[in-house]
């Protein structure tokens, strides 16, 4: 007795594609398919055609074979799209796994005797491999989304504000690590170049703790700004932070530090020969 082959499965798919597609769409709908009915029908029909073509070439051992390239590309687009929309890996993989029941029902009608088990096993191998592939791509897509969101949050959490002509302020909120320091540096240096500022205030009022590593990051930012021709003032030095810096033995060198942003702004204005006075004062 000859084993059931991928080409035979391809023939069954091609011959009964309309009925299999209709049954499959019902299964997807019952499983809570996220796409609109028209779009879902189009993608499902395309998937069936591509799988039929891949199996027609005798490809059944590995979905990573060249014959499955078009199928993989369709699943990649689908998985990444659903990842961006916030769907779970299980919801995405259901697109493939929900095809099992329609195919098994059709195999029971078309394959006789002991060859049925071989047909079911081949179909299970193919669909399981494709389903797992969607999960892998979906996970990568979610990681890409998370990485992009983290980058955007870093940029949003490190705004550089121009307080006056030649005076910039960089308020920091949250933990200052290596990655964020790089973003802080780039944003500050770019604004120094854009505005031609000679003074930059780095306010750490919103930084919960300052340890040796955070202090080193601050000094690196100050040094980079100096290379661009701007001096830095560090504000927001609370009593606890001052004690920590002294206890750690961190040397801030010639960097001017102030307790509040207002005090630092006064110093910055003084460097530009400016003064803030009450209205009407002589």
Protein backbone atom coordinates (compact mmCIF):
# COMPACT_ATOMS: atom_id res chain seq x y z
CA UNK A 1 0.00 0.00 0.00
CA UNK A 2 1.49 3.34 -1.10
CA UNK A 3 1.79 6.15 1.48
CA UNK A 4 -0.37 9.25 1.24
CA UNK A 5 1.63 11.98 -0.53
CA UNK A 6 1.65 15.80 -0.44
CA UNK A 7 0.53 15.83 -4.09
CA UNK A 8 -2.61 13.88 -3.16
CA UNK A 9 -3.38 16.40 -0.43
CA UNK A 10 -2.84 19.18 -2.98
CA UNK A 11 -5.35 17.53 -5.32
CA UNK A 12 -7.98 17.27 -2.59
CA UNK A 13 -7.45 20.94 -1.68
CA UNK A 14 -7.74 22.04 -5.28
CA UNK A 15 -10.80 19.92 -6.06
CA UNK A 16 -12.79 20.87 -2.94
CA UNK A 17 -11.34 24.33 -2.30
CA UNK A 18 -14.71 26.11 -2.30
CA UNK A 19 -16.28 23.79 0.30
CA UNK A 20 -13.14 23.72 2.47
CA UNK A 21 -12.90 27.53 2.39
CA UNK A 22 -16.55 27.96 3.40
CA UNK A 23 -16.20 25.54 6.31
CA UNK A 24 -12.90 27.14 7.35
CA UNK A 25 -14.38 30.65 7.43
CA UNK A 26 -17.13 29.39 9.72
CA UNK A 27 -14.54 27.84 12.06
CA UNK A 28 -12.54 31.09 12.12
CA UNK A 29 -15.63 33.13 12.87
CA UNK A 30 -16.52 30.81 15.75
CA UNK A 31 -12.98 31.22 17.08
CA UNK A 32 -13.37 35.02 17.07
CA UNK A 33 -11.35 35.92 13.96
CA UNK A 34 -10.27 39.59 14.28
CA UNK A 35 -10.49 40.55 10.60
CA UNK A 36 -13.50 41.80 8.67
CA UNK A 37 -15.35 39.09 6.73
CA UNK A 38 -14.35 40.35 3.27
CA UNK A 39 -10.69 40.69 4.13
CA UNK A 40 -10.69 37.36 5.98
CA UNK A 41 -12.19 35.56 2.99
CA UNK A 42 -9.60 37.07 0.65
CA UNK A 43 -6.63 36.16 2.86
CA UNK A 44 -7.98 32.66 3.56
CA UNK A 45 -8.58 31.93 -0.11
CA UNK A 46 -5.09 33.12 -0.99
CA UNK A 47 -3.60 30.96 1.76
CA UNK A 48 -5.39 27.86 0.46
CA UNK A 49 -4.16 28.50 -3.09
CA UNK A 50 -0.57 28.96 -1.96
CA UNK A 51 -0.63 25.84 0.24
CA UNK A 52 -2.12 23.87 -2.66
CA UNK A 53 0.70 25.02 -4.96
CA UNK A 54 3.39 24.21 -2.37
CA UNK A 55 2.02 20.69 -1.84
CA UNK A 56 1.71 20.20 -5.60
CA UNK A 57 5.52 20.44 -5.79
CA UNK A 58 5.74 17.57 -3.33
CA UNK A 59 6.80 19.80 -0.44
CA UNK A 60 5.54 18.31 2.78
CA UNK A 61 8.57 17.61 4.93
CA UNK A 62 9.49 21.19 5.88
CA UNK A 63 7.61 24.47 5.58
CA UNK A 64 11.01 26.19 5.42
CA UNK A 65 11.67 24.68 1.97
CA UNK A 66 11.74 27.09 -1.02
CA UNK A 67 8.35 25.81 -2.22
CA UNK A 68 6.75 27.35 0.90
CA UNK A 69 8.26 30.84 0.44
CA UNK A 70 5.00 32.48 -0.68
CA UNK A 71 3.07 30.82 2.16
CA UNK A 72 5.59 32.02 4.72
CA UNK A 73 5.47 35.57 3.37
CA UNK A 74 1.68 35.64 3.64
CA UNK A 75 1.84 34.37 7.23
CA UNK A 76 4.54 36.92 8.07
CA UNK A 77 2.39 39.79 6.82
CA UNK A 78 -0.64 38.45 8.67
CA UNK A 79 1.24 37.81 11.93
CA UNK A 80 2.98 41.20 12.01
CA UNK A 81 -0.26 42.98 11.17
CA UNK A 82 -2.09 41.24 14.00
CA UNK A 83 0.82 41.86 16.37
CA UNK A 84 0.61 45.59 15.67
CA UNK A 85 -3.14 45.48 16.26
CA UNK A 86 -2.57 43.90 19.68
CA UNK A 87 -3.86 40.38 19.02
CA UNK A 88 -2.40 37.49 20.98
CA UNK A 89 -0.21 34.72 19.49
CA UNK A 90 -3.08 32.25 20.10
CA UNK A 91 -5.53 34.40 18.15
CA UNK A 92 -3.06 34.65 15.29
CA UNK A 93 -2.21 30.93 15.21
CA UNK A 94 -5.93 30.10 15.16
CA UNK A 95 -5.95 31.29 11.54
CA UNK A 96 -3.97 28.15 10.65
CA UNK A 97 -5.13 25.69 13.30
CA UNK A 98 -8.83 26.27 12.57
CA UNK A 99 -8.21 24.74 9.11
CA UNK A 100 -7.62 21.31 10.67
CA UNK A 101 -11.24 20.33 11.20
CA UNK A 102 -12.42 21.19 7.64
CA UNK A 103 -9.48 19.29 6.17
CA UNK A 104 -9.91 16.26 8.43
CA UNK A 105 -13.62 16.07 7.54
CA UNK A 106 -12.78 16.19 3.87
CA UNK A 107 -10.04 13.55 4.20
CA UNK A 108 -12.51 11.16 5.84
CA UNK A 109 -14.68 11.41 2.73
CA UNK A 110 -11.89 11.20 0.16
CA UNK A 111 -9.32 8.77 1.64
CA UNK A 112 -10.19 5.14 2.29
CA UNK A 113 -8.86 2.46 4.60
CA UNK A 114 -5.52 2.54 6.33
CA UNK A 115 -4.28 5.41 4.17
CA UNK A 116 -6.51 7.80 6.13
CA UNK A 117 -4.18 7.82 9.14
CA UNK A 118 -1.26 8.75 6.89
CA UNK A 119 -3.29 11.55 5.32
CA UNK A 120 -4.28 12.93 8.72
CA UNK A 121 -0.71 12.71 9.98
CA UNK A 122 0.69 14.55 6.93
CA UNK A 123 -1.95 17.26 7.24
CA UNK A 124 -1.27 17.63 10.96
CA UNK A 125 2.48 18.01 10.37
CA UNK A 126 1.98 20.70 7.75
CA UNK A 127 -0.58 22.75 9.67
CA UNK A 128 1.25 22.45 13.00
CA UNK A 129 4.47 23.68 11.38
CA UNK A 130 2.68 26.61 9.74
CA UNK A 131 0.83 27.44 12.96
CA UNK A 132 4.05 27.48 14.98
CA UNK A 133 5.65 29.66 12.32
CA UNK A 134 2.91 32.26 12.79
CA UNK A 135 3.60 32.25 16.54
CA UNK A 136 7.33 32.81 15.96
CA UNK A 137 6.71 35.69 13.56
CA UNK A 138 4.04 37.17 15.82
CA UNK A 139 6.47 37.13 18.76
CA UNK A 140 9.14 38.88 16.70
CA UNK A 141 6.57 41.42 15.58
CA UNK A 142 5.56 42.13 19.18
CA UNK A 143 9.21 42.54 20.15
CA UNK A 144 9.65 45.05 17.32
CA UNK A 145 6.58 46.97 18.48
CA UNK A 146 7.82 47.00 22.10
CA UNK A 147 11.32 48.11 21.05
CA UNK A 148 9.87 50.94 18.97
CA UNK A 149 7.59 52.03 21.80
CA UNK A 150 10.50 52.01 24.25
CA UNK A 151 12.51 54.21 21.90
CA UNK A 152 9.59 56.60 21.49
CA UNK A 153 9.08 56.75 25.27
CA UNK A 154 12.77 57.50 25.78
CA UNK A 155 12.57 60.35 23.32
CA UNK A 156 9.38 61.69 24.89
CA UNK A 157 10.80 61.43 28.40
CA UNK A 158 13.91 63.45 27.55
CA UNK A 159 12.65 66.75 26.07
CA UNK A 160 15.08 69.62 25.66
CA UNK A 161 13.36 72.96 26.36
CA UNK A 162 14.71 76.37 25.38
CA UNK A 163 14.20 78.63 28.42
CA UNK A 164 15.87 81.68 26.94
CA UNK A 165 18.09 82.63 24.04
CA UNK A 166 21.22 80.58 24.63
CA UNK A 167 19.77 78.68 27.61
CA UNK A 168 18.44 75.10 27.38
CA UNK A 169 16.85 72.91 30.04
CA UNK A 170 16.82 69.12 30.09
CA UNK A 171 14.44 67.78 32.80
CA UNK A 172 15.11 64.13 33.57
CA UNK A 173 12.43 61.87 35.07
CA UNK A 174 12.99 58.26 36.05
CA UNK A 175 16.05 56.02 36.00
CA UNK A 176 19.06 57.09 33.94
CA UNK A 177 20.66 54.02 32.35
CA UNK A 178 23.13 53.59 29.47
CA UNK A 179 20.50 53.49 26.72
CA UNK A 180 18.68 56.53 28.01
CA UNK A 181 21.95 58.40 28.49
CA UNK A 182 22.67 57.94 24.78
CA UNK A 183 19.26 59.39 23.89
CA UNK A 184 19.75 62.26 26.36
CA UNK A 185 23.14 63.06 24.87
CA UNK A 186 21.89 62.99 21.28
CA UNK A 187 18.85 65.18 22.03
CA UNK A 188 20.87 67.70 24.02
CA UNK A 189 23.72 67.96 21.50
CA UNK A 190 21.30 68.32 18.58
CA UNK A 191 19.47 71.16 20.36
CA UNK A 192 22.76 72.86 21.22
CA UNK A 193 23.66 72.86 17.53
CA UNK A 194 20.17 73.97 16.44
CA UNK A 195 19.93 76.89 18.90
CA UNK A 196 23.58 77.83 19.34
CA UNK A 197 23.07 77.75 23.11
CA UNK A 198 26.00 78.19 25.47
CA UNK A 199 24.31 77.01 28.68
CA UNK A 200 22.37 73.83 29.41
CA UNK A 201 20.58 73.03 32.66
CA UNK A 202 20.24 69.32 33.46
CA UNK A 203 17.49 69.00 36.06
CA UNK A 204 17.48 65.72 38.01
CA UNK A 205 14.60 66.55 40.36
CA UNK A 206 12.65 63.63 38.89
CA UNK A 207 15.51 61.11 39.17
CA UNK A 208 14.65 58.92 42.18
CA UNK A 209 18.19 57.84 43.09
CA UNK A 210 21.71 58.81 42.09
CA UNK A 211 24.39 56.15 42.33
CA UNK A 212 27.89 55.95 40.89
CA UNK A 213 26.59 54.80 37.50
CA UNK A 214 24.03 57.62 37.24
CA UNK A 215 26.68 60.16 38.23
CA UNK A 216 29.00 58.83 35.53
CA UNK A 217 26.23 59.14 32.96
CA UNK A 218 25.63 62.75 34.00
CA UNK A 219 29.34 63.57 33.73
CA UNK A 220 29.49 62.01 30.26
CA UNK A 221 26.60 64.21 29.15
CA UNK A 222 28.29 67.30 30.63
CA UNK A 223 31.57 66.44 28.88
CA UNK A 224 29.83 65.91 25.53
CA UNK A 225 28.05 69.27 25.86
CA UNK A 226 31.34 71.02 26.63
CA UNK A 227 32.85 69.61 23.46
CA UNK A 228 30.01 71.36 21.62
CA UNK A 229 30.81 74.65 23.34
CA UNK A 230 28.10 74.63 26.03
CA UNK A 231 28.51 74.60 29.81
CA UNK A 232 26.13 72.55 31.96
CA UNK A 233 24.50 73.26 35.30
CA UNK A 234 23.00 70.36 37.25
CA UNK A 235 19.91 71.26 39.26
CA UNK A 236 17.62 69.27 41.52
CA UNK A 237 20.33 68.26 44.01
CA UNK A 238 18.19 67.27 46.99
CA UNK A 239 19.75 66.71 50.44
CA UNK A 240 19.54 62.92 50.06
CA UNK A 241 21.22 63.04 46.66
CA UNK A 242 23.95 65.36 47.97
CA UNK A 243 24.68 62.94 50.82
CA UNK A 244 24.75 60.00 48.41
CA UNK A 245 27.20 61.75 46.06
CA UNK A 246 29.50 62.61 48.96
CA UNK A 247 29.24 59.09 50.40
CA UNK A 248 30.09 57.55 47.01
CA UNK A 249 33.03 59.88 46.59
CA UNK A 250 31.85 61.05 43.17
CA UNK A 251 33.79 64.07 41.96
CA UNK A 252 31.68 66.46 39.91
CA UNK A 253 34.72 68.61 39.21
CA UNK A 254 33.93 72.12 38.01
CA UNK A 255 30.29 71.34 37.28
CA UNK A 256 27.98 73.88 38.96
CA UNK A 257 25.15 72.29 40.95
CA UNK A 258 22.01 73.91 42.34
CA UNK A 259 19.17 72.74 44.53
CA UNK A 260 16.38 73.91 42.21
CA UNK A 261 15.81 74.65 38.56
CA UNK A 262 14.99 78.26 39.46
CA UNK A 263 18.42 78.71 41.09
CA UNK A 264 20.12 77.19 38.09
CA UNK A 265 18.17 79.47 35.74
CA UNK A 266 19.37 82.53 37.68
CA UNK A 267 22.96 81.41 37.25
CA UNK A 268 22.38 80.82 33.52
CA UNK A 269 20.88 84.29 33.07
CA UNK A 270 23.82 85.80 34.96
CA UNK A 271 26.22 84.20 32.49
CA UNK A 272 24.35 86.01 29.73
CA UNK A 273 24.43 89.30 31.68
CA UNK A 274 20.70 89.17 32.25
CA UNK A 275 18.64 89.53 35.42
CA UNK A 276 15.02 88.89 36.34
CA UNK A 277 13.51 91.78 38.32
CA UNK A 278 10.01 92.65 39.55
CA UNK A 279 7.89 94.67 37.14
CA UNK A 280 8.43 98.42 37.63
CA UNK A 281 11.76 98.00 39.39
CA UNK A 282 14.44 100.53 38.52
